[in-house]
Amino acid sequence: MKELNVYDTSIQKEALINELKGNLFEFLVGQCLANSYGLEGEYLGSISPEFTDRLQTYELWLRENSPGLLEKLPLLAKTSAEFFKKNEVDNIDAILLVGKVLGGSSDQRAKEADLLLKKKDSVSSLSLKLCKENSFVNTKSAGARSFYPKYFSKQFPSARSAQDNLNHKLEEDYKEVSLALHEMAGLPPEESFGAAWKEAGLPLLPGQLNTSMNKRLKEHYYYMIQSFFEVWENLYKKDNKKFKDCMMPLLGFGHSDLIQLSCFYSGDYQLSFNNLKKAGPYRLRLDDSVLIPPKEGLSSFEMKMEDCSFQIRLKPMNKFTVPGLKVNCSLKLHKEN
């Protein structure tokens, strides 16, 4: 991790705050739950000393850089733990903070979970999210060049050929973008952003481009999301049930016993609402989903459900000068009346 007292921009500082608050929130929810079940000693004793030291470093940094957040985190964690226990009545025998326990954990359920909840005859995994209300919360990220085979080919063999066609479009349109931006920069035409672009000291990040260059780059992303949507829609219409089964890992449910607990706050870290979802009931919500095509100029499309919106968005791999793109899947949960 980057040194906690060093950041170059306000965006980087905000990203660091989000990372630290997420780690502290996970620990605090686990601690609150463990306390409510009389397991706090075992919970704290299972966490590695290295991670305990790291949490103390996070706390000190937030105390200097975001004291309001640090003050509110314990209350947000407490209300989230209480909300979970109110909705989950089964007794729990042990609680483990995933990835931070002594000796690690080999349980495959830990891949998407933040806490493992051990009961007498079973283990449940709990995924935790702390986010601002009305924001999209990331559920899965993947490379655009392998997305459809990875998540859909088991049910749809045609996903591989569709991906090949997408990759061809991506390569060809990337070349067109490179040619256009080189011309706009007064450089000899190139089908990729190589040494000449770097030697000229030109931007590598989309936000650093001038208005006209940024507009041309966004046209590339819009073209690609339209192509990406065409594949999504074709599979969706081919077999709706199989398609929605394939979607579950993209929604953050890589296995059926995962529970998602989300805590949403207002701008000043005041609790807005909690939300709890299980894979089975949530899969049924997809039956009433509506697919919304990408709007002109945007690089995303959505599936809308009664209580949430699922978004698929294409983004550059940080630097726009490489041909690959990233697929971000995210959810916006709506407050229940």
Protein backbone atom coordinates (compact mmCIF):
# COMPACT_ATOMS: atom_id res chain seq x y z
CA MET A 1 0.00 0.00 0.00
CA LYS A 2 1.10 3.55 -0.65
CA GLU A 3 2.42 5.44 2.41
CA LEU A 4 -0.64 6.63 4.28
CA ASN A 5 0.53 10.22 4.64
CA VAL A 6 1.30 10.65 0.92
CA TYR A 7 -1.22 11.35 -1.84
CA ASP A 8 -0.93 13.36 -5.03
CA THR A 9 -4.52 14.44 -5.66
CA SER A 10 -7.85 14.73 -3.87
CA ILE A 11 -9.06 11.72 -5.88
CA GLN A 12 -6.17 9.62 -4.57
CA LYS A 13 -6.86 10.79 -1.03
CA GLU A 14 -10.53 9.85 -1.36
CA ALA A 15 -9.58 6.42 -2.74
CA LEU A 16 -7.30 5.85 0.25
CA ILE A 17 -10.03 6.93 2.69
CA ASN A 18 -12.43 4.48 1.04
CA GLU A 19 -9.93 1.64 1.35
CA LEU A 20 -9.19 2.35 5.01
CA LYS A 21 -12.82 2.84 6.01
CA GLY A 22 -13.72 -0.46 4.31
CA ASN A 23 -11.10 -2.40 6.28
CA LEU A 24 -12.07 -0.76 9.57
CA PHE A 25 -15.80 -1.24 8.90
CA GLU A 26 -15.34 -4.97 8.25
CA PHE A 27 -13.37 -5.39 11.46
CA LEU A 28 -15.88 -3.37 13.52
CA VAL A 29 -18.95 -5.21 12.18
CA GLY A 30 -17.26 -8.50 13.00
CA GLN A 31 -16.41 -7.25 16.48
CA CYS A 32 -19.98 -6.03 17.12
CA LEU A 33 -21.44 -9.33 15.93
CA ALA A 34 -18.96 -11.33 17.98
CA ASN A 35 -19.79 -9.28 21.06
CA SER A 36 -23.52 -9.85 20.60
CA TYR A 37 -22.96 -13.64 20.45
CA GLY A 38 -20.46 -13.69 23.36
CA LEU A 39 -17.57 -14.46 20.99
CA GLU A 40 -15.51 -11.26 21.10
CA GLY A 41 -12.49 -12.83 22.79
CA GLU A 42 -12.25 -15.62 20.24
CA TYR A 43 -12.83 -13.17 17.36
CA LEU A 44 -10.05 -10.80 18.42
CA GLY A 45 -7.74 -13.68 19.26
CA SER A 46 -8.08 -15.13 15.76
CA ILE A 47 -6.82 -11.97 14.02
CA SER A 48 -3.12 -11.79 13.17
CA PRO A 49 -0.98 -9.26 15.11
CA GLU A 50 0.19 -7.76 11.81
CA PHE A 51 -3.34 -6.83 10.83
CA THR A 52 -4.10 -5.46 14.29
CA ASP A 53 -1.08 -3.16 13.94
CA ARG A 54 -2.28 -2.12 10.49
CA LEU A 55 -5.73 -1.22 11.81
CA GLN A 56 -4.10 1.03 14.40
CA THR A 57 -2.18 2.77 11.61
CA TYR A 58 -5.42 3.24 9.64
CA GLU A 59 -7.14 4.69 12.70
CA LEU A 60 -4.34 7.20 13.34
CA TRP A 61 -4.34 8.34 9.71
CA LEU A 62 -8.11 8.81 9.63
CA ARG A 63 -7.99 10.67 12.94
CA GLU A 64 -5.83 13.30 11.21
CA ASN A 65 -7.42 13.27 7.76
CA SER A 66 -11.09 12.34 8.28
CA PRO A 67 -12.01 12.61 11.98
CA GLY A 68 -15.75 12.82 11.24
CA LEU A 69 -15.66 9.47 9.48
CA LEU A 70 -13.64 7.85 12.26
CA GLU A 71 -16.16 9.05 14.81
CA LYS A 72 -19.13 7.63 12.90
CA LEU A 73 -17.67 4.27 11.83
CA PRO A 74 -18.35 2.44 15.13
CA LEU A 75 -22.01 3.53 15.09
CA LEU A 76 -22.47 2.50 11.45
CA ALA A 77 -20.90 -0.87 12.23
CA LYS A 78 -23.07 -1.34 15.31
CA THR A 79 -26.32 -0.58 13.46
CA SER A 80 -25.28 -2.93 10.64
CA ALA A 81 -24.55 -5.76 13.07
CA GLU A 82 -27.88 -5.18 14.82
CA PHE A 83 -29.71 -5.16 11.47
CA PHE A 84 -28.06 -8.45 10.51
CA LYS A 85 -28.90 -10.15 13.79
CA LYS A 86 -32.50 -8.94 13.57
CA ASN A 87 -32.85 -10.61 10.16
CA GLU A 88 -30.73 -13.72 10.90
CA VAL A 89 -31.98 -15.56 13.97
CA ASP A 90 -29.67 -18.62 13.81
CA ASN A 91 -27.08 -18.91 16.55
CA ILE A 92 -23.42 -18.46 15.55
CA ASP A 93 -20.52 -20.37 17.13
CA ALA A 94 -17.55 -18.53 15.59
CA ILE A 95 -16.86 -15.43 13.50
CA LEU A 96 -13.71 -15.02 11.40
CA LEU A 97 -12.46 -11.93 9.58
CA VAL A 98 -11.55 -13.26 6.14
CA GLY A 99 -7.89 -12.98 5.13
CA LYS A 100 -6.81 -11.58 8.51
CA VAL A 101 -6.92 -14.69 10.71
CA LEU A 102 -3.85 -16.45 12.04
CA GLY A 103 -2.78 -19.10 9.53
CA GLY A 104 -5.20 -17.83 6.87
CA SER A 105 -8.30 -19.63 5.62
CA SER A 106 -8.59 -22.28 2.91
CA ASP A 107 -12.39 -22.05 2.75
CA GLN A 108 -13.40 -21.31 -0.85
CA ARG A 109 -16.36 -19.28 0.40
CA ALA A 110 -13.85 -16.70 1.62
CA LYS A 111 -13.25 -15.49 -1.95
CA GLU A 112 -16.20 -13.08 -1.94
CA ALA A 113 -16.76 -12.80 1.81
CA ASP A 114 -15.49 -10.45 4.49
CA LEU A 115 -16.69 -12.55 7.44
CA LEU A 116 -17.19 -16.30 7.83
CA LEU A 117 -19.99 -17.22 10.24
CA LYS A 118 -19.59 -20.72 11.62
CA LYS A 119 -22.67 -22.49 12.94
CA LYS A 120 -23.10 -25.96 14.39
CA ASP A 121 -23.55 -27.75 11.08
CA SER A 122 -22.74 -25.12 8.46
CA VAL A 123 -20.71 -22.08 7.47
CA SER A 124 -22.19 -18.91 5.99
CA SER A 125 -20.20 -16.14 4.33
CA LEU A 126 -21.03 -12.48 4.80
CA SER A 127 -20.08 -9.79 2.29
CA LEU A 128 -20.02 -6.24 3.70
CA LYS A 129 -20.42 -2.94 1.87
CA LEU A 130 -20.21 0.58 3.29
CA CYS A 131 -21.18 3.22 0.77
CA LYS A 132 -22.82 6.55 0.16
CA GLU A 133 -26.54 6.44 -0.58
CA ASN A 134 -27.54 6.62 -4.28
CA SER A 135 -24.11 5.40 -5.36
CA PHE A 136 -23.29 2.39 -7.50
CA VAL A 137 -21.45 -0.29 -5.50
CA ASN A 138 -18.95 -2.46 -7.35
CA THR A 139 -19.84 -6.18 -7.40
CA LYS A 140 -17.42 -7.55 -10.00
CA SER A 141 -14.60 -6.34 -12.26
CA ALA A 142 -13.23 -8.27 -15.21
CA GLY A 143 -11.30 -7.84 -18.44
CA ALA A 144 -13.46 -7.00 -21.45
CA ARG A 145 -11.50 -9.40 -23.69
CA SER A 146 -12.53 -12.52 -21.76
CA PHE A 147 -15.77 -11.46 -20.10
CA TYR A 148 -18.40 -13.48 -21.96
CA PRO A 149 -16.55 -16.83 -22.07
CA LYS A 150 -15.69 -16.52 -18.36
CA TYR A 151 -19.23 -15.87 -17.14
CA PHE A 152 -21.56 -17.19 -19.87
CA SER A 153 -19.89 -19.96 -21.92
CA LYS A 154 -21.00 -22.83 -19.63
CA GLN A 155 -24.61 -22.09 -20.54
CA PHE A 156 -24.00 -20.43 -23.92
CA PRO A 157 -21.29 -21.99 -26.13
CA SER A 158 -21.83 -19.14 -28.61
CA ALA A 159 -20.39 -16.71 -26.05
CA ARG A 160 -16.87 -17.56 -27.22
CA SER A 161 -17.44 -16.62 -30.85
CA ALA A 162 -19.33 -13.51 -29.76
CA GLN A 163 -16.31 -12.56 -27.63
CA ASP A 164 -13.97 -13.08 -30.57
CA ASN A 165 -16.07 -10.70 -32.64
CA LEU A 166 -16.06 -8.14 -29.82
CA ASN A 167 -12.29 -8.38 -29.49
CA HIS A 168 -11.88 -7.75 -33.23
CA LYS A 169 -14.07 -4.64 -32.96
CA LEU A 170 -12.06 -3.46 -29.97
CA GLU A 171 -8.74 -3.84 -31.79
CA GLU A 172 -9.96 -2.12 -34.93
CA ASP A 173 -11.63 0.79 -33.16
CA TYR A 174 -8.61 1.24 -30.90
CA LYS A 175 -6.51 1.72 -34.02
CA GLU A 176 -8.97 4.32 -35.30
CA VAL A 177 -8.79 6.20 -32.00
CA SER A 178 -5.02 6.13 -32.01
CA LEU A 179 -4.86 7.46 -35.57
CA ALA A 180 -7.36 10.21 -34.75
CA LEU A 181 -5.67 11.35 -31.53
CA HIS A 182 -2.21 11.33 -33.11
CA GLU A 183 -3.54 13.56 -35.88
CA MET A 184 -5.21 15.88 -33.35
CA ALA A 185 -1.89 16.11 -31.49
CA GLY A 186 0.04 16.97 -34.66
CA LEU A 187 1.94 13.67 -34.67
CA PRO A 188 2.51 11.19 -37.52
CA PRO A 189 -0.35 8.65 -37.69
CA GLU A 190 0.13 5.55 -35.50
CA GLU A 191 -2.21 2.61 -34.89
CA SER A 192 -1.11 2.40 -31.25
CA PHE A 193 0.14 4.80 -28.60
CA GLY A 194 3.86 4.10 -28.62
CA ALA A 195 7.11 5.93 -28.03
CA ALA A 196 6.18 9.00 -30.11
CA TRP A 197 3.13 9.71 -27.93
CA LYS A 198 5.13 9.35 -24.70
CA GLU A 199 8.12 11.37 -25.99
CA ALA A 200 5.76 14.22 -26.86
CA GLY A 201 4.69 14.29 -23.21
CA LEU A 202 1.05 13.72 -24.07
CA PRO A 203 -1.50 12.47 -21.50
CA LEU A 204 -1.95 8.81 -20.60
CA LEU A 205 -5.08 9.25 -18.47
CA PRO A 206 -8.49 10.12 -20.01
CA GLY A 207 -9.13 12.99 -17.60
CA GLN A 208 -5.94 14.74 -18.73
CA LEU A 209 -6.96 14.98 -22.39
CA ASN A 210 -8.24 18.25 -23.82
CA THR A 211 -11.94 18.55 -24.61
CA SER A 212 -11.82 17.50 -28.27
CA MET A 213 -9.54 14.51 -27.63
CA ASN A 214 -11.62 13.40 -24.68
CA LYS A 215 -14.76 13.59 -26.81
CA ARG A 216 -13.18 11.36 -29.47
CA LEU A 217 -12.09 8.83 -26.85
CA LYS A 218 -15.60 8.73 -25.37
CA GLU A 219 -16.96 7.94 -28.84
CA HIS A 220 -14.75 4.83 -28.77
CA TYR A 221 -16.15 3.74 -25.41
CA TYR A 222 -19.72 4.39 -26.57
CA TYR A 223 -19.18 2.32 -29.72
CA MET A 224 -17.78 -0.54 -27.65
CA ILE A 225 -20.57 -0.51 -25.05
CA GLN A 226 -23.11 -0.67 -27.88
CA SER A 227 -21.33 -3.75 -29.24
CA PHE A 228 -21.06 -5.20 -25.75
CA PHE A 229 -24.76 -4.60 -25.17
CA GLU A 230 -25.70 -6.38 -28.42
CA VAL A 231 -24.09 -9.59 -27.14
CA TRP A 232 -25.71 -9.17 -23.72
CA GLU A 233 -29.15 -8.65 -25.25
CA ASN A 234 -28.81 -11.60 -27.66
CA LEU A 235 -27.93 -14.00 -24.83
CA TYR A 236 -30.65 -12.49 -22.64
CA LYS A 237 -33.27 -13.20 -25.31
CA LYS A 238 -31.89 -16.63 -26.27
CA ASP A 239 -32.56 -18.24 -22.87
CA ASN A 240 -33.68 -15.87 -20.14
CA LYS A 241 -33.42 -18.38 -17.28
CA LYS A 242 -29.91 -19.55 -18.16
CA PHE A 243 -28.81 -15.97 -18.67
CA LYS A 244 -29.95 -14.90 -15.20
CA ASP A 245 -28.26 -17.89 -13.62
CA CYS A 246 -25.02 -16.77 -15.27
CA MET A 247 -25.54 -13.28 -13.87
CA MET A 248 -25.44 -14.29 -10.20
CA PRO A 249 -21.61 -14.12 -9.85
CA LEU A 250 -21.71 -10.69 -11.52
CA LEU A 251 -24.15 -9.56 -8.83
CA GLY A 252 -21.65 -10.69 -6.19
CA PHE A 253 -23.19 -14.11 -5.50
CA GLY A 254 -20.46 -16.53 -6.52
CA HIS A 255 -21.97 -19.22 -4.28
CA SER A 256 -25.44 -19.82 -2.97
CA ASP A 257 -24.86 -19.36 0.78
CA LEU A 258 -23.39 -15.86 0.50
CA ILE A 259 -25.20 -13.06 2.34
CA GLN A 260 -24.71 -9.42 1.31
CA LEU A 261 -25.02 -6.81 4.04
CA SER A 262 -24.86 -3.20 2.83
CA CYS A 263 -24.77 -0.05 4.95
CA PHE A 264 -25.60 3.26 3.27
CA TYR A 265 -24.86 6.68 4.72
CA SER A 266 -25.61 10.30 3.82
CA GLY A 267 -22.93 12.86 2.98
CA ASP A 268 -21.98 13.48 6.61
CA TYR A 269 -21.75 9.76 7.47
CA GLN A 270 -25.21 9.65 9.02
CA LEU A 271 -26.88 6.26 8.67
CA SER A 272 -29.38 6.21 5.79
CA PHE A 273 -30.40 2.54 5.62
CA ASN A 274 -29.20 -1.06 5.78
CA ASN A 275 -29.91 -3.75 3.22
CA LEU A 276 -29.55 -7.53 3.39
CA LYS A 277 -29.72 -9.84 0.38
CA LYS A 278 -29.48 -13.61 -0.08
CA ALA A 279 -28.78 -15.35 -3.37
CA GLY A 280 -32.05 -17.31 -3.71
CA PRO A 281 -34.57 -14.50 -3.15
CA TYR A 282 -32.42 -12.09 -5.11
CA ARG A 283 -32.34 -14.44 -8.10
CA LEU A 284 -36.14 -14.27 -8.19
CA ARG A 285 -35.95 -10.45 -8.41
CA LEU A 286 -34.21 -10.83 -11.77
CA ASP A 287 -37.38 -12.30 -13.23
CA ASP A 288 -38.93 -8.82 -13.24
CA SER A 289 -35.83 -7.02 -14.50
CA VAL A 290 -35.92 -4.64 -17.46
CA LEU A 291 -32.93 -4.25 -19.78
CA ILE A 292 -32.09 -0.60 -20.60
CA PRO A 293 -29.80 0.07 -23.64
CA PRO A 294 -26.84 2.46 -23.33
CA LYS A 295 -27.70 6.14 -23.64
CA GLU A 296 -25.87 8.11 -26.31
CA GLY A 297 -22.44 9.23 -25.21
CA LEU A 298 -22.28 6.95 -22.17
CA SER A 299 -20.21 3.80 -21.69
CA SER A 300 -22.76 1.84 -19.64
CA PHE A 301 -26.15 0.16 -19.70
CA GLU A 302 -28.44 -1.08 -16.94
CA MET A 303 -30.88 -3.72 -15.82
CA LYS A 304 -33.53 -2.23 -13.55
CA MET A 305 -35.31 -4.19 -10.82
CA GLU A 306 -37.87 -3.22 -8.21
CA ASP A 307 -35.38 -2.23 -5.52
CA CYS A 308 -32.12 -1.73 -7.42
CA SER A 309 -30.34 -1.02 -10.69
CA PHE A 310 -27.55 -3.25 -12.04
CA GLN A 311 -25.01 -1.44 -14.22
CA ILE A 312 -22.45 -2.76 -16.71
CA ARG A 313 -19.81 -0.18 -17.54
CA LEU A 314 -16.73 -0.24 -19.78
CA LYS A 315 -13.68 1.64 -18.52
CA PRO A 316 -10.06 2.02 -19.62
CA MET A 317 -7.43 -0.04 -17.83
CA ASN A 318 -6.34 3.13 -16.02
CA LYS A 319 -4.32 4.37 -19.03
CA PHE A 320 -6.39 4.78 -22.20
CA THR A 321 -3.27 4.20 -24.31
CA VAL A 322 -3.57 0.40 -23.99
CA PRO A 323 -6.18 -1.42 -26.11
CA GLY A 324 -7.73 -3.41 -23.26
CA LEU A 325 -10.87 -2.32 -21.42
CA LYS A 326 -12.27 -3.24 -18.03
CA VAL A 327 -15.85 -4.28 -17.29
CA ASN A 328 -17.23 -2.89 -14.04
CA CYS A 329 -20.41 -4.44 -12.65
CA SER A 330 -22.17 -2.51 -9.91
CA LEU A 331 -25.45 -2.17 -8.02
CA LYS A 332 -27.42 0.85 -6.86
CA LEU A 333 -29.76 -0.22 -4.06
CA HIS A 334 -32.87 1.83 -3.35
CA LYS A 335 -34.11 2.58 0.14
CA GLU A 336 -37.16 0.50 1.01
CA ASN A 337 -40.26 2.43 2.02
